[in-house]
Amino acid sequence: MKIAMPVNGINETNLADINTNKSFGRAPYFLIYDIESQEATFLQNSAADNPSGAGIKAAQIIVDQRITALLTPRCGENAANILHTAGITLYQTIDASAEENINAFILGNLLLLEDIHPGFHG
């Protein structure tokens, strides 16, 4: 199972040093974590600097990675629709490091994401 999370930086050797990003579509990177192999990889979010539609483009990046679950503090409705259609479950991150969020997910301590907003258009 692979999960994804919007993050502020890259550190493949210490996920405790990585913070989750408050924005899904505009996060500079996505952490992709394979639960079985415990392997972490990072993708640059090529949608982050788009003047519009960043969430939709970011959602497609996540779908293309064959992700099972997205851990994020919030998500726009257009992106959420794409993710849900692809069978990706959205979970609410806690205010903690990437490592702590991964551990909380594995233990079943993250709630389903309910903060689906209309998007920040314009």
N, C-alpha and C. Protein backbone atom coordinates (compact mmCIF):
# COMPACT_ATOMS: atom_id res chain seq x y z
N MET A 1 0.85 -1.18 0.00
CA MET A 1 0.00 0.00 0.00
C MET A 1 0.89 1.24 0.00
N LYS A 2 0.56 2.16 -0.90
CA LYS A 2 1.30 3.42 -0.95
C LYS A 2 0.39 4.57 -0.52
N ILE A 3 0.96 5.44 0.32
CA ILE A 3 0.24 6.62 0.76
C ILE A 3 1.03 7.85 0.30
N ALA A 4 0.35 8.98 0.27
CA ALA A 4 1.00 10.23 -0.13
C ALA A 4 0.63 11.33 0.85
N MET A 5 1.49 12.34 0.90
CA MET A 5 1.28 13.46 1.80
C MET A 5 1.96 14.70 1.21
N PRO A 6 1.29 15.86 1.25
CA PRO A 6 1.97 17.10 0.82
C PRO A 6 2.96 17.53 1.91
N VAL A 7 4.20 17.81 1.50
CA VAL A 7 5.23 18.17 2.47
C VAL A 7 6.00 19.40 2.00
N ASN A 8 6.72 20.00 2.96
CA ASN A 8 7.47 21.23 2.69
C ASN A 8 8.88 21.01 2.16
N GLY A 9 9.44 19.83 2.40
CA GLY A 9 10.83 19.59 2.00
C GLY A 9 11.11 18.13 1.78
N ILE A 10 12.40 17.84 1.58
CA ILE A 10 12.85 16.48 1.28
C ILE A 10 13.91 16.07 2.30
N ASN A 11 13.73 14.88 2.87
CA ASN A 11 14.76 14.26 3.71
C ASN A 11 14.43 12.79 3.77
N GLU A 12 15.01 12.02 2.86
CA GLU A 12 14.68 10.60 2.74
C GLU A 12 15.18 9.78 3.92
N THR A 13 16.14 10.29 4.69
CA THR A 13 16.70 9.52 5.79
C THR A 13 16.05 9.81 7.13
N ASN A 14 15.31 10.93 7.24
CA ASN A 14 14.70 11.26 8.53
C ASN A 14 13.36 11.95 8.30
N LEU A 15 12.30 11.17 8.28
CA LEU A 15 10.97 11.72 8.03
C LEU A 15 10.46 12.55 9.20
N ALA A 16 11.11 12.45 10.34
CA ALA A 16 10.74 13.27 11.50
C ALA A 16 11.10 14.73 11.27
N ASP A 17 12.00 14.99 10.32
CA ASP A 17 12.41 16.37 10.01
C ASP A 17 11.55 17.01 8.92
N ILE A 18 10.59 16.29 8.41
CA ILE A 18 9.75 16.78 7.32
C ILE A 18 8.40 17.21 7.89
N ASN A 19 7.96 18.40 7.54
CA ASN A 19 6.65 18.89 7.97
C ASN A 19 5.63 18.74 6.86
N THR A 20 4.41 18.45 7.25
CA THR A 20 3.33 18.41 6.27
C THR A 20 3.04 19.84 5.83
N ASN A 21 2.60 19.99 4.59
CA ASN A 21 2.26 21.30 4.05
C ASN A 21 0.78 21.54 4.26
N LYS A 22 0.41 22.76 4.55
CA LYS A 22 -1.00 23.10 4.81
C LYS A 22 -1.87 23.06 3.56
N SER A 23 -1.23 23.10 2.39
CA SER A 23 -1.97 23.12 1.13
C SER A 23 -1.66 21.87 0.32
N PHE A 24 -2.67 21.19 -0.14
CA PHE A 24 -2.44 20.03 -0.99
C PHE A 24 -1.92 20.44 -2.36
N GLY A 25 -2.68 21.24 -3.07
CA GLY A 25 -2.34 21.58 -4.46
C GLY A 25 -1.10 22.44 -4.62
N ARG A 26 -0.76 23.23 -3.63
CA ARG A 26 0.37 24.14 -3.73
C ARG A 26 1.59 23.69 -2.92
N ALA A 27 1.55 22.50 -2.37
CA ALA A 27 2.71 21.96 -1.65
C ALA A 27 3.88 21.82 -2.62
N PRO A 28 5.09 22.11 -2.18
CA PRO A 28 6.23 21.99 -3.10
C PRO A 28 6.58 20.53 -3.44
N TYR A 29 6.28 19.60 -2.52
CA TYR A 29 6.62 18.20 -2.74
C TYR A 29 5.52 17.29 -2.22
N PHE A 30 5.53 16.07 -2.73
CA PHE A 30 4.70 15.01 -2.18
C PHE A 30 5.61 13.90 -1.70
N LEU A 31 5.36 13.46 -0.48
CA LEU A 31 6.04 12.30 0.06
C LEU A 31 5.20 11.09 -0.32
N ILE A 32 5.82 10.12 -0.96
CA ILE A 32 5.17 8.86 -1.30
C ILE A 32 5.81 7.81 -0.40
N TYR A 33 4.98 7.14 0.38
CA TYR A 33 5.50 6.17 1.34
C TYR A 33 4.85 4.82 1.12
N ASP A 34 5.69 3.80 0.93
CA ASP A 34 5.22 2.43 0.76
C ASP A 34 5.19 1.77 2.14
N ILE A 35 4.02 1.44 2.62
CA ILE A 35 3.85 0.88 3.95
C ILE A 35 4.59 -0.45 4.09
N GLU A 36 4.52 -1.31 3.08
CA GLU A 36 5.14 -2.63 3.17
C GLU A 36 6.66 -2.55 3.18
N SER A 37 7.24 -1.83 2.24
CA SER A 37 8.70 -1.77 2.14
C SER A 37 9.32 -0.69 3.04
N GLN A 38 8.47 0.18 3.58
CA GLN A 38 8.89 1.32 4.40
C GLN A 38 9.84 2.26 3.63
N GLU A 39 9.64 2.33 2.33
CA GLU A 39 10.45 3.17 1.46
C GLU A 39 9.76 4.50 1.21
N ALA A 40 10.51 5.57 1.38
CA ALA A 40 9.99 6.92 1.13
C ALA A 40 10.64 7.49 -0.12
N THR A 41 9.81 8.08 -0.98
CA THR A 41 10.31 8.81 -2.14
C THR A 41 9.59 10.16 -2.16
N PHE A 42 10.19 11.09 -2.85
CA PHE A 42 9.63 12.43 -2.94
C PHE A 42 9.43 12.81 -4.39
N LEU A 43 8.31 13.45 -4.66
CA LEU A 43 8.03 13.99 -5.99
C LEU A 43 7.89 15.49 -5.89
N GLN A 44 8.50 16.20 -6.81
CA GLN A 44 8.26 17.63 -6.87
C GLN A 44 6.85 17.83 -7.42
N ASN A 45 6.11 18.73 -6.81
CA ASN A 45 4.75 19.02 -7.27
C ASN A 45 4.83 20.03 -8.41
N SER A 46 4.77 19.55 -9.62
CA SER A 46 4.87 20.43 -10.79
C SER A 46 3.65 21.33 -10.94
N ALA A 47 2.59 21.07 -10.20
CA ALA A 47 1.38 21.88 -10.26
C ALA A 47 1.42 23.08 -9.32
N ALA A 48 2.36 23.10 -8.39
CA ALA A 48 2.37 24.10 -7.31
C ALA A 48 2.36 25.54 -7.79
N ASP A 49 3.04 25.82 -8.88
CA ASP A 49 3.15 27.21 -9.35
C ASP A 49 2.16 27.57 -10.45
N ASN A 50 1.25 26.67 -10.78
CA ASN A 50 0.26 26.98 -11.82
C ASN A 50 -0.66 28.10 -11.32
N PRO A 51 -0.99 29.06 -12.19
CA PRO A 51 -1.85 30.15 -11.76
C PRO A 51 -3.26 29.72 -11.38
N SER A 52 -3.73 28.62 -11.95
CA SER A 52 -5.05 28.08 -11.60
C SER A 52 -5.05 26.58 -11.82
N GLY A 53 -5.95 25.90 -11.13
CA GLY A 53 -6.08 24.47 -11.31
C GLY A 53 -4.99 23.64 -10.66
N ALA A 54 -4.27 24.20 -9.69
CA ALA A 54 -3.17 23.46 -9.05
C ALA A 54 -3.67 22.19 -8.37
N GLY A 55 -4.80 22.27 -7.68
CA GLY A 55 -5.32 21.10 -6.98
C GLY A 55 -5.70 19.98 -7.92
N ILE A 56 -6.32 20.33 -9.04
CA ILE A 56 -6.71 19.32 -10.02
C ILE A 56 -5.48 18.63 -10.60
N LYS A 57 -4.48 19.43 -10.95
CA LYS A 57 -3.25 18.86 -11.51
C LYS A 57 -2.49 18.04 -10.47
N ALA A 58 -2.46 18.52 -9.23
CA ALA A 58 -1.81 17.77 -8.15
C ALA A 58 -2.53 16.45 -7.91
N ALA A 59 -3.85 16.46 -7.96
CA ALA A 59 -4.61 15.22 -7.79
C ALA A 59 -4.24 14.20 -8.86
N GLN A 60 -4.05 14.66 -10.08
CA GLN A 60 -3.69 13.73 -11.15
C GLN A 60 -2.29 13.15 -10.91
N ILE A 61 -1.39 13.95 -10.37
CA ILE A 61 -0.05 13.44 -10.02
C ILE A 61 -0.18 12.29 -9.03
N ILE A 62 -1.03 12.47 -8.02
CA ILE A 62 -1.23 11.45 -7.00
C ILE A 62 -1.88 10.20 -7.60
N VAL A 63 -2.88 10.38 -8.44
CA VAL A 63 -3.55 9.25 -9.10
C VAL A 63 -2.54 8.46 -9.93
N ASP A 64 -1.67 9.15 -10.65
CA ASP A 64 -0.69 8.49 -11.52
C ASP A 64 0.31 7.65 -10.73
N GLN A 65 0.47 7.93 -9.44
CA GLN A 65 1.40 7.17 -8.60
C GLN A 65 0.77 5.93 -7.99
N ARG A 66 -0.49 5.68 -8.28
CA ARG A 66 -1.23 4.50 -7.76
C ARG A 66 -1.25 4.50 -6.23
N ILE A 67 -1.64 5.63 -5.70
CA ILE A 67 -1.72 5.84 -4.26
C ILE A 67 -3.05 5.27 -3.75
N THR A 68 -3.02 4.71 -2.54
CA THR A 68 -4.22 4.18 -1.91
C THR A 68 -4.88 5.21 -1.00
N ALA A 69 -4.04 6.00 -0.29
CA ALA A 69 -4.56 6.98 0.66
C ALA A 69 -3.73 8.26 0.59
N LEU A 70 -4.41 9.39 0.72
CA LEU A 70 -3.76 10.69 0.78
C LEU A 70 -3.97 11.25 2.18
N LEU A 71 -2.87 11.64 2.83
CA LEU A 71 -2.92 12.28 4.14
C LEU A 71 -2.68 13.76 3.91
N THR A 72 -3.65 14.59 4.24
CA THR A 72 -3.55 16.02 3.96
C THR A 72 -4.41 16.81 4.96
N PRO A 73 -4.01 18.05 5.27
CA PRO A 73 -4.81 18.84 6.20
C PRO A 73 -6.13 19.32 5.60
N ARG A 74 -6.16 19.52 4.30
CA ARG A 74 -7.39 19.96 3.62
C ARG A 74 -7.23 19.71 2.12
N CYS A 75 -8.36 19.84 1.42
CA CYS A 75 -8.34 19.58 -0.02
C CYS A 75 -9.53 20.30 -0.65
N GLY A 76 -9.32 20.81 -1.85
CA GLY A 76 -10.40 21.45 -2.60
C GLY A 76 -11.33 20.41 -3.21
N GLU A 77 -12.57 20.82 -3.45
CA GLU A 77 -13.57 19.85 -3.91
C GLU A 77 -13.27 19.27 -5.30
N ASN A 78 -12.70 20.05 -6.21
CA ASN A 78 -12.39 19.50 -7.53
C ASN A 78 -11.31 18.43 -7.44
N ALA A 79 -10.28 18.70 -6.66
CA ALA A 79 -9.22 17.71 -6.46
C ALA A 79 -9.78 16.49 -5.73
N ALA A 80 -10.58 16.71 -4.71
CA ALA A 80 -11.16 15.60 -3.94
C ALA A 80 -12.01 14.71 -4.83
N ASN A 81 -12.76 15.30 -5.74
CA ASN A 81 -13.58 14.51 -6.65
C ASN A 81 -12.72 13.58 -7.51
N ILE A 82 -11.62 14.11 -8.02
CA ILE A 82 -10.69 13.30 -8.83
C ILE A 82 -10.12 12.15 -8.00
N LEU A 83 -9.69 12.48 -6.78
CA LEU A 83 -9.09 11.47 -5.90
C LEU A 83 -10.10 10.40 -5.52
N HIS A 84 -11.31 10.82 -5.16
CA HIS A 84 -12.34 9.85 -4.80
C HIS A 84 -12.71 8.96 -5.98
N THR A 85 -12.80 9.54 -7.17
CA THR A 85 -13.13 8.76 -8.37
C THR A 85 -12.07 7.69 -8.63
N ALA A 86 -10.82 7.99 -8.29
CA ALA A 86 -9.72 7.04 -8.47
C ALA A 86 -9.63 6.03 -7.33
N GLY A 87 -10.53 6.14 -6.35
CA GLY A 87 -10.53 5.19 -5.24
C GLY A 87 -9.53 5.51 -4.14
N ILE A 88 -9.06 6.74 -4.10
CA ILE A 88 -8.10 7.16 -3.08
C ILE A 88 -8.87 7.72 -1.89
N THR A 89 -8.57 7.22 -0.70
CA THR A 89 -9.21 7.67 0.52
C THR A 89 -8.41 8.83 1.10
N LEU A 90 -9.10 9.87 1.55
CA LEU A 90 -8.44 11.06 2.10
C LEU A 90 -8.54 11.04 3.63
N TYR A 91 -7.40 11.27 4.27
CA TYR A 91 -7.32 11.32 5.72
C TYR A 91 -6.80 12.68 6.17
N GLN A 92 -7.29 13.12 7.32
CA GLN A 92 -6.89 14.40 7.92
C GLN A 92 -5.56 14.22 8.65
N THR A 93 -4.56 15.00 8.28
CA THR A 93 -3.29 14.94 8.99
C THR A 93 -3.43 15.59 10.36
N ILE A 94 -2.51 15.23 11.24
CA ILE A 94 -2.40 15.89 12.54
C ILE A 94 -1.28 16.92 12.43
N ASP A 95 -1.23 17.86 13.34
CA ASP A 95 -0.20 18.90 13.31
C ASP A 95 1.09 18.31 13.87
N ALA A 96 1.80 17.58 13.00
CA ALA A 96 2.99 16.86 13.41
C ALA A 96 3.85 16.57 12.17
N SER A 97 4.97 15.91 12.38
CA SER A 97 5.88 15.59 11.29
C SER A 97 5.27 14.54 10.36
N ALA A 98 5.91 14.37 9.21
CA ALA A 98 5.49 13.34 8.27
C ALA A 98 5.57 11.96 8.91
N GLU A 99 6.63 11.72 9.65
CA GLU A 99 6.80 10.43 10.32
C GLU A 99 5.67 10.16 11.31
N GLU A 100 5.30 11.15 12.10
CA GLU A 100 4.22 10.97 13.07
C GLU A 100 2.88 10.74 12.37
N ASN A 101 2.66 11.40 11.24
CA ASN A 101 1.43 11.18 10.48
C ASN A 101 1.38 9.78 9.89
N ILE A 102 2.50 9.30 9.40
CA ILE A 102 2.55 7.94 8.86
C ILE A 102 2.24 6.94 9.97
N ASN A 103 2.87 7.11 11.12
CA ASN A 103 2.63 6.21 12.25
C ASN A 103 1.18 6.26 12.70
N ALA A 104 0.60 7.45 12.75
CA ALA A 104 -0.81 7.59 13.13
C ALA A 104 -1.71 6.88 12.13
N PHE A 105 -1.38 6.98 10.85
CA PHE A 105 -2.16 6.29 9.81
C PHE A 105 -2.08 4.78 10.00
N ILE A 106 -0.87 4.27 10.19
CA ILE A 106 -0.67 2.82 10.35
C ILE A 106 -1.45 2.30 11.56
N LEU A 107 -1.48 3.09 12.63
CA LEU A 107 -2.19 2.68 13.85
C LEU A 107 -3.71 2.91 13.76
N GLY A 108 -4.16 3.51 12.65
CA GLY A 108 -5.59 3.78 12.47
C GLY A 108 -6.09 4.97 13.26
N ASN A 109 -5.19 5.90 13.57
CA ASN A 109 -5.54 7.06 14.41
C ASN A 109 -5.85 8.33 13.63
N LEU A 110 -5.84 8.28 12.31
CA LEU A 110 -6.20 9.47 11.52
C LEU A 110 -7.67 9.38 11.13
N LEU A 111 -8.33 10.51 11.18
CA LEU A 111 -9.74 10.60 10.79
C LEU A 111 -9.85 10.80 9.29
N LEU A 112 -10.98 10.42 8.73
CA LEU A 112 -11.24 10.74 7.33
C LEU A 112 -11.31 12.25 7.17
N LEU A 113 -10.83 12.76 6.07
CA LEU A 113 -10.82 14.21 5.82
C LEU A 113 -12.23 14.69 5.54
N GLU A 114 -12.67 15.65 6.31
CA GLU A 114 -13.98 16.27 6.10
C GLU A 114 -13.85 17.71 5.63
N ASP A 115 -12.66 18.28 5.70
CA ASP A 115 -12.44 19.67 5.32
C ASP A 115 -12.22 19.78 3.81
N ILE A 116 -13.29 19.52 3.07
CA ILE A 116 -13.26 19.67 1.61
C ILE A 116 -13.85 21.05 1.32
N HIS A 117 -13.01 21.94 0.82
CA HIS A 117 -13.46 23.32 0.60
C HIS A 117 -13.70 23.57 -0.89
N PRO A 118 -14.37 24.65 -1.23
CA PRO A 118 -14.70 24.91 -2.63
C PRO A 118 -13.48 25.22 -3.50
N GLY A 119 -12.33 25.44 -2.90
CA GLY A 119 -11.13 25.78 -3.65
C GLY A 119 -10.82 27.25 -3.50
N PHE A 120 -9.58 27.58 -3.80
CA PHE A 120 -9.15 28.97 -3.71
C PHE A 120 -8.92 29.47 -5.13
N HIS A 121 -9.99 29.81 -5.80
CA HIS A 121 -9.92 30.19 -7.21
C HIS A 121 -9.74 31.68 -7.36
N GLY A 122 -9.11 32.02 -8.45
CA GLY A 122 -8.97 33.44 -8.75
C GLY A 122 -7.61 33.92 -8.45
